[in-house]
Amino acid sequence: MAVKITITGKVHNAGYRLFLLEEADYLFIPYFDARNVKINGREALVVLVDGEKEQIEEFLEFIKSNKPENAVVEKIQVEEYTGRVRDIERFRSSFNTAQLSKIVQVGLKMLEKQDSMLQKQDMMLERQDMMLEKQDSMLKKQDETIKEIRGTREDLKSEIREVNKSVKEASSKIDKTNELLENRFERLEEEIEKIKKALIKAGIEL
């Protein structure tokens, strides 16, 4: 007894074919095939089975009352099938090959993404190195500026010391000059007094 079962809904990428293959194995169904297709733009799974009537009926009861966790079944249509159905072992081999191919493709995409991420990481590290170089350059310039400022301060301090020294020396010289002038004025005043007294004695009026 051969039948064609069409299951529509969200049935792709839900592990539906493997789910049904395990049940067909459990029931010792000798012929089994399952394909993901699109019918009028909607997801569908077409299952072909051939075996003893009791096996097929039990398999149909299983399909009507069970589904993979992530699948959403909207409709199940069962009809007689007169064509040939692939041997279940051939389907298993083909299915495993297809799944292995998918795994390889996914692995290759992951490697491509990893390479892309590593390239981005290298670019980020290069930018970071450039930023660190700029930072080092800025720090060097800052150190040079600080040294220049310190040098200028020391020069200014030295000049201020020299100026203070010159001012002190000039002030000392002025003090000495003032003392000399005061002494000279005192002597002049004494001389003038003596002259006045001498003139008075001489009878000369001033």
C-alpha atoms as a PDB file:
ATOM      1  CA  MET A   1       0.000   0.000   0.000  1.00  0.00           C
ATOM      2  CA  ALA A   2       1.489   3.296  -1.134  1.00  0.00           C
ATOM      3  CA  VAL A   3       0.257   6.769  -0.138  1.00  0.00           C
ATOM      4  CA  LYS A   4       1.224  10.363  -0.693  1.00  0.00           C
ATOM      5  CA  ILE A   5       0.962  12.663   2.317  1.00  0.00           C
ATOM      6  CA  THR A   6       1.118  16.458   1.869  1.00  0.00           C
ATOM      7  CA  ILE A   7       1.664  18.467   5.038  1.00  0.00           C
ATOM      8  CA  THR A   8       1.371  22.270   4.728  1.00  0.00           C
ATOM      9  CA  GLY A   9       2.223  24.978   7.223  1.00  0.00           C
ATOM     10  CA  LYS A  10       5.494  25.995   8.856  1.00  0.00           C
ATOM     11  CA  VAL A  11       7.182  22.678   8.127  1.00  0.00           C
ATOM     12  CA  HIS A  12      10.594  23.588   6.682  1.00  0.00           C
ATOM     13  CA  ASN A  13      13.729  23.740   8.858  1.00  0.00           C
ATOM     14  CA  ALA A  14      11.848  22.087  11.702  1.00  0.00           C
ATOM     15  CA  GLY A  15      13.421  18.604  11.558  1.00  0.00           C
ATOM     16  CA  TYR A  16      10.204  17.183  10.124  1.00  0.00           C
ATOM     17  CA  ARG A  17      11.781  14.697   7.664  1.00  0.00           C
ATOM     18  CA  LEU A  18      14.072  13.166  10.273  1.00  0.00           C
ATOM     19  CA  PHE A  19      11.136  13.059  12.699  1.00  0.00           C
ATOM     20  CA  LEU A  20       9.079  10.996  10.211  1.00  0.00           C
ATOM     21  CA  LEU A  21      12.055   8.866   9.143  1.00  0.00           C
ATOM     22  CA  GLU A  22      12.558   7.710  12.733  1.00  0.00           C
ATOM     23  CA  GLU A  23       8.892   6.665  12.985  1.00  0.00           C
ATOM     24  CA  ALA A  24       9.046   4.860   9.618  1.00  0.00           C
ATOM     25  CA  ASP A  25      12.121   3.003  10.869  1.00  0.00           C
ATOM     26  CA  TYR A  26      10.294   2.105  14.069  1.00  0.00           C
ATOM     27  CA  LEU A  27       7.396   0.661  12.043  1.00  0.00           C
ATOM     28  CA  PHE A  28       9.770  -1.227   9.653  1.00  0.00           C
ATOM     29  CA  ILE A  29       8.325   0.583   6.620  1.00  0.00           C
ATOM     30  CA  PRO A  30      10.555  -0.496   3.702  1.00  0.00           C
ATOM     31  CA  TYR A  31       9.945   2.403   1.318  1.00  0.00           C
ATOM     32  CA  PHE A  32      10.036   6.035   2.351  1.00  0.00           C
ATOM     33  CA  ASP A  33      10.698   9.425   0.776  1.00  0.00           C
ATOM     34  CA  ALA A  34      10.132  13.001   1.964  1.00  0.00           C
ATOM     35  CA  ARG A  35      10.804  16.320   0.240  1.00  0.00           C
ATOM     36  CA  ASN A  36      10.421  19.976   1.249  1.00  0.00           C
ATOM     37  CA  VAL A  37       8.533  21.845  -1.488  1.00  0.00           C
ATOM     38  CA  LYS A  38       6.595  25.061  -2.044  1.00  0.00           C
ATOM     39  CA  ILE A  39       2.936  24.895  -3.076  1.00  0.00           C
ATOM     40  CA  ASN A  40       1.474  28.228  -4.185  1.00  0.00           C
ATOM     41  CA  GLY A  41       4.295  29.970  -2.334  1.00  0.00           C
ATOM     42  CA  ARG A  42       3.586  28.136   0.948  1.00  0.00           C
ATOM     43  CA  GLU A  43       5.812  25.654   2.748  1.00  0.00           C
ATOM     44  CA  ALA A  44       4.890  22.019   2.330  1.00  0.00           C
ATOM     45  CA  LEU A  45       6.319  18.573   2.998  1.00  0.00           C
ATOM     46  CA  VAL A  46       5.492  15.758   0.556  1.00  0.00           C
ATOM     47  CA  VAL A  47       5.920  12.290   2.078  1.00  0.00           C
ATOM     48  CA  LEU A  48       5.732   9.027   0.104  1.00  0.00           C
ATOM     49  CA  VAL A  49       5.488   5.692   1.915  1.00  0.00           C
ATOM     50  CA  ASP A  50       4.924   2.129   0.728  1.00  0.00           C
ATOM     51  CA  GLY A  51       4.548  -0.988   2.827  1.00  0.00           C
ATOM     52  CA  GLU A  52       2.044  -3.251   4.511  1.00  0.00           C
ATOM     53  CA  LYS A  53      -1.412  -1.787   5.043  1.00  0.00           C
ATOM     54  CA  GLU A  54      -1.155  -1.965   8.844  1.00  0.00           C
ATOM     55  CA  GLN A  55       2.238  -0.205   8.779  1.00  0.00           C
ATOM     56  CA  ILE A  56       0.936   2.614   6.600  1.00  0.00           C
ATOM     57  CA  GLU A  57      -2.250   3.082   8.652  1.00  0.00           C
ATOM     58  CA  GLU A  58      -0.252   3.244  11.883  1.00  0.00           C
ATOM     59  CA  PHE A  59       2.152   5.704  10.241  1.00  0.00           C
ATOM     60  CA  LEU A  60      -0.778   7.911   9.174  1.00  0.00           C
ATOM     61  CA  GLU A  61      -2.195   7.899  12.711  1.00  0.00           C
ATOM     62  CA  PHE A  62       1.221   8.965  13.997  1.00  0.00           C
ATOM     63  CA  ILE A  63       1.405  11.871  11.498  1.00  0.00           C
ATOM     64  CA  LYS A  64      -2.068  13.120  12.413  1.00  0.00           C
ATOM     65  CA  SER A  65      -1.339  13.198  16.139  1.00  0.00           C
ATOM     66  CA  ASN A  66       2.377  14.095  16.269  1.00  0.00           C
ATOM     67  CA  LYS A  67       4.686  16.747  14.867  1.00  0.00           C
ATOM     68  CA  PRO A  68       8.109  18.247  15.622  1.00  0.00           C
ATOM     69  CA  GLU A  69       8.154  20.856  18.376  1.00  0.00           C
ATOM     70  CA  ASN A  70       9.012  23.780  16.057  1.00  0.00           C
ATOM     71  CA  ALA A  71       6.590  22.842  13.265  1.00  0.00           C
ATOM     72  CA  VAL A  72       3.178  24.413  12.701  1.00  0.00           C
ATOM     73  CA  VAL A  73       0.794  22.136  10.787  1.00  0.00           C
ATOM     74  CA  GLU A  74      -2.096  23.798   8.965  1.00  0.00           C
ATOM     75  CA  LYS A  75      -3.307  20.925   6.779  1.00  0.00           C
ATOM     76  CA  ILE A  76      -2.613  17.222   6.172  1.00  0.00           C
ATOM     77  CA  GLN A  77      -3.791  15.689   2.881  1.00  0.00           C
ATOM     78  CA  VAL A  78      -3.559  11.914   2.228  1.00  0.00           C
ATOM     79  CA  GLU A  79      -4.076  10.284  -1.183  1.00  0.00           C
ATOM     80  CA  GLU A  80      -3.264   6.997  -2.891  1.00  0.00           C
ATOM     81  CA  TYR A  81       0.019   6.844  -4.781  1.00  0.00           C
ATOM     82  CA  THR A  82       0.715   4.619  -7.771  1.00  0.00           C
ATOM     83  CA  GLY A  83       4.318   5.557  -8.496  1.00  0.00           C
ATOM     84  CA  ARG A  84       7.544   4.067  -7.179  1.00  0.00           C
ATOM     85  CA  VAL A  85       8.811   4.996  -3.718  1.00  0.00           C
ATOM     86  CA  ARG A  86      12.479   5.072  -2.869  1.00  0.00           C
ATOM     87  CA  ASP A  87      13.945   2.413  -0.588  1.00  0.00           C
ATOM     88  CA  ILE A  88      14.179   3.803   2.942  1.00  0.00           C
ATOM     89  CA  GLU A  89      17.926   3.077   3.145  1.00  0.00           C
ATOM     90  CA  ARG A  90      18.555   5.020  -0.048  1.00  0.00           C
ATOM     91  CA  PHE A  91      16.542   7.912   1.350  1.00  0.00           C
ATOM     92  CA  ARG A  92      18.521   7.753   4.590  1.00  0.00           C
ATOM     93  CA  SER A  93      21.817   7.838   2.673  1.00  0.00           C
ATOM     94  CA  SER A  94      20.653  10.725   0.477  1.00  0.00           C
ATOM     95  CA  PHE A  95      19.242  12.586   3.496  1.00  0.00           C
ATOM     96  CA  ASN A  96      22.461  12.178   5.476  1.00  0.00           C
ATOM     97  CA  THR A  97      24.484  13.408   2.488  1.00  0.00           C
ATOM     98  CA  ALA A  98      22.215  16.454   2.131  1.00  0.00           C
ATOM     99  CA  GLN A  99      22.444  17.213   5.847  1.00  0.00           C
ATOM    100  CA  LEU A 100      26.241  16.834   5.751  1.00  0.00           C
ATOM    101  CA  SER A 101      26.337  19.224   2.789  1.00  0.00           C
ATOM    102  CA  LYS A 102      24.274  21.756   4.762  1.00  0.00           C
ATOM    103  CA  ILE A 103      26.599  21.384   7.744  1.00  0.00           C
ATOM    104  CA  VAL A 104      29.601  21.978   5.483  1.00  0.00           C
ATOM    105  CA  GLN A 105      27.957  25.057   3.931  1.00  0.00           C
ATOM    106  CA  VAL A 106      27.090  26.417   7.363  1.00  0.00           C
ATOM    107  CA  GLY A 107      30.648  25.714   8.515  1.00  0.00           C
ATOM    108  CA  LEU A 108      32.069  27.524   5.484  1.00  0.00           C
ATOM    109  CA  LYS A 109      29.820  30.526   6.131  1.00  0.00           C
ATOM    110  CA  MET A 110      30.890  30.544   9.767  1.00  0.00           C
ATOM    111  CA  LEU A 111      34.540  30.455   8.683  1.00  0.00           C
ATOM    112  CA  GLU A 112      33.893  33.342   6.277  1.00  0.00           C
ATOM    113  CA  LYS A 113      32.247  35.315   9.079  1.00  0.00           C
ATOM    114  CA  GLN A 114      35.121  34.427  11.391  1.00  0.00           C
ATOM    115  CA  ASP A 115      37.644  35.592   8.775  1.00  0.00           C
ATOM    116  CA  SER A 116      35.660  38.799   8.326  1.00  0.00           C
ATOM    117  CA  MET A 117      35.561  39.336  12.087  1.00  0.00           C
ATOM    118  CA  LEU A 118      39.304  38.683  12.341  1.00  0.00           C
ATOM    119  CA  GLN A 119      39.938  41.200   9.556  1.00  0.00           C
ATOM    120  CA  LYS A 120      37.800  43.764  11.366  1.00  0.00           C
ATOM    121  CA  GLN A 121      39.642  42.954  14.587  1.00  0.00           C
ATOM    122  CA  ASP A 122      42.982  43.455  12.810  1.00  0.00           C
ATOM    123  CA  MET A 123      41.756  46.799  11.462  1.00  0.00           C
ATOM    124  CA  MET A 124      40.639  47.830  14.942  1.00  0.00           C
ATOM    125  CA  LEU A 125      44.032  46.817  16.363  1.00  0.00           C
ATOM    126  CA  GLU A 126      45.788  48.821  13.639  1.00  0.00           C
ATOM    127  CA  ARG A 127      43.637  51.848  14.468  1.00  0.00           C
ATOM    128  CA  GLN A 128      44.363  51.311  18.146  1.00  0.00           C
ATOM    129  CA  ASP A 129      48.098  51.177  17.398  1.00  0.00           C
ATOM    130  CA  MET A 130      47.810  54.414  15.394  1.00  0.00           C
ATOM    131  CA  MET A 131      45.926  56.062  18.247  1.00  0.00           C
ATOM    132  CA  LEU A 132      48.557  54.883  20.727  1.00  0.00           C
ATOM    133  CA  GLU A 133      51.311  56.240  18.474  1.00  0.00           C
ATOM    134  CA  LYS A 134      49.527  59.602  18.289  1.00  0.00           C
ATOM    135  CA  GLN A 135      49.096  59.535  22.052  1.00  0.00           C
ATOM    136  CA  ASP A 136      52.805  58.788  22.517  1.00  0.00           C
ATOM    137  CA  SER A 137      53.656  61.636  20.134  1.00  0.00           C
ATOM    138  CA  MET A 138      51.396  64.016  22.067  1.00  0.00           C
ATOM    139  CA  LEU A 139      52.952  62.918  25.363  1.00  0.00           C
ATOM    140  CA  LYS A 140      56.437  63.506  23.947  1.00  0.00           C
ATOM    141  CA  LYS A 141      55.427  66.980  22.795  1.00  0.00           C
ATOM    142  CA  GLN A 142      53.883  67.619  26.198  1.00  0.00           C
ATOM    143  CA  ASP A 143      57.118  66.534  27.902  1.00  0.00           C
ATOM    144  CA  GLU A 144      59.129  68.786  25.603  1.00  0.00           C
ATOM    145  CA  THR A 145      56.781  71.689  26.333  1.00  0.00           C
ATOM    146  CA  ILE A 146      57.088  71.067  30.083  1.00  0.00           C
ATOM    147  CA  LYS A 147      60.882  70.985  29.780  1.00  0.00           C
ATOM    148  CA  GLU A 148      60.822  74.238  27.810  1.00  0.00           C
ATOM    149  CA  ILE A 149      58.564  75.850  30.420  1.00  0.00           C
ATOM    150  CA  ARG A 150      60.834  74.651  33.205  1.00  0.00           C
ATOM    151  CA  GLY A 151      63.874  75.929  31.316  1.00  0.00           C
ATOM    152  CA  THR A 152      62.187  79.288  30.775  1.00  0.00           C
ATOM    153  CA  ARG A 153      61.316  79.466  34.476  1.00  0.00           C
ATOM    154  CA  GLU A 154      64.898  78.747  35.457  1.00  0.00           C
ATOM    155  CA  ASP A 155      66.125  81.397  33.011  1.00  0.00           C
ATOM    156  CA  LEU A 156      63.643  83.897  34.417  1.00  0.00           C
ATOM    157  CA  LYS A 157      64.664  83.064  37.974  1.00  0.00           C
ATOM    158  CA  SER A 158      68.304  83.523  37.032  1.00  0.00           C
ATOM    159  CA  GLU A 159      67.572  86.861  35.362  1.00  0.00           C
ATOM    160  CA  ILE A 160      65.511  87.984  38.374  1.00  0.00           C
ATOM    161  CA  ARG A 161      68.398  87.069  40.668  1.00  0.00           C
ATOM    162  CA  GLU A 162      70.780  89.104  38.512  1.00  0.00           C
ATOM    163  CA  VAL A 163      68.381  92.062  38.473  1.00  0.00           C
ATOM    164  CA  ASN A 164      67.934  91.868  42.255  1.00  0.00           C
ATOM    165  CA  LYS A 165      71.669  91.703  42.666  1.00  0.00           C
ATOM    166  CA  SER A 166      72.133  94.737  40.406  1.00  0.00           C
ATOM    167  CA  VAL A 167      69.401  96.611  42.274  1.00  0.00           C
ATOM    168  CA  LYS A 168      71.043  95.838  45.610  1.00  0.00           C
ATOM    169  CA  GLU A 169      74.418  96.969  44.312  1.00  0.00           C
ATOM    170  CA  ALA A 170      72.913 100.165  42.875  1.00  0.00           C
ATOM    171  CA  SER A 171      71.048 100.811  46.140  1.00  0.00           C
ATOM    172  CA  SER A 172      74.266 100.327  48.099  1.00  0.00           C
ATOM    173  CA  LYS A 173      76.086 102.755  45.812  1.00  0.00           C
ATOM    174  CA  ILE A 174      73.278 105.299  46.197  1.00  0.00           C
ATOM    175  CA  ASP A 175      73.415 104.962  49.967  1.00  0.00           C
ATOM    176  CA  LYS A 176      77.161 105.563  49.940  1.00  0.00           C
ATOM    177  CA  THR A 177      76.749 108.543  47.616  1.00  0.00           C
ATOM    178  CA  ASN A 178      74.088 110.009  49.914  1.00  0.00           C
ATOM    179  CA  GLU A 179      76.396 109.587  52.885  1.00  0.00           C
ATOM    180  CA  LEU A 180      79.215 111.383  51.036  1.00  0.00           C
ATOM    181  CA  LEU A 181      76.895 114.195  49.996  1.00  0.00           C
ATOM    182  CA  GLU A 182      75.587 114.581  53.544  1.00  0.00           C
ATOM    183  CA  ASN A 183      79.141 114.743  54.873  1.00  0.00           C
ATOM    184  CA  ARG A 184      80.051 117.348  52.284  1.00  0.00           C
ATOM    185  CA  PHE A 185      76.971 119.443  53.116  1.00  0.00           C
ATOM    186  CA  GLU A 186      77.851 119.280  56.797  1.00  0.00           C
ATOM    187  CA  ARG A 187      81.400 120.417  56.064  1.00  0.00           C
ATOM    188  CA  LEU A 188      80.140 123.210  53.847  1.00  0.00           C
ATOM    189  CA  GLU A 189      77.770 124.389  56.559  1.00  0.00           C
ATOM    190  CA  GLU A 190      80.636 124.375  59.078  1.00  0.00           C
ATOM    191  CA  GLU A 191      82.821 126.324  56.687  1.00  0.00           C
ATOM    192  CA  ILE A 192      80.037 128.823  56.057  1.00  0.00           C
ATOM    193  CA  GLU A 193      79.577 129.312  59.838  1.00  0.00           C
ATOM    194  CA  LYS A 194      83.295 129.880  60.259  1.00  0.00           C
ATOM    195  CA  ILE A 195      83.290 132.414  57.442  1.00  0.00           C
ATOM    196  CA  LYS A 196      80.292 134.211  58.989  1.00  0.00           C
ATOM    197  CA  LYS A 197      81.989 134.388  62.390  1.00  0.00           C
ATOM    198  CA  ALA A 198      85.210 135.694  60.821  1.00  0.00           C
ATOM    199  CA  LEU A 199      83.346 138.405  58.939  1.00  0.00           C
ATOM    200  CA  ILE A 200      81.498 139.466  62.075  1.00  0.00           C
ATOM    201  CA  LYS A 201      84.771 139.771  63.914  1.00  0.00           C
ATOM    202  CA  ALA A 202      86.144 141.812  61.131  1.00  0.00           C
ATOM    203  CA  GLY A 203      83.209 144.182  61.436  1.00  0.00           C
ATOM    204  CA  ILE A 204      81.734 143.253  58.176  1.00  0.00           C
ATOM    205  CA  GLU A 205      77.984 143.088  58.234  1.00  0.00           C
ATOM    206  CA  LEU A 206      76.230 140.407  56.160  1.00  0.00           C
END
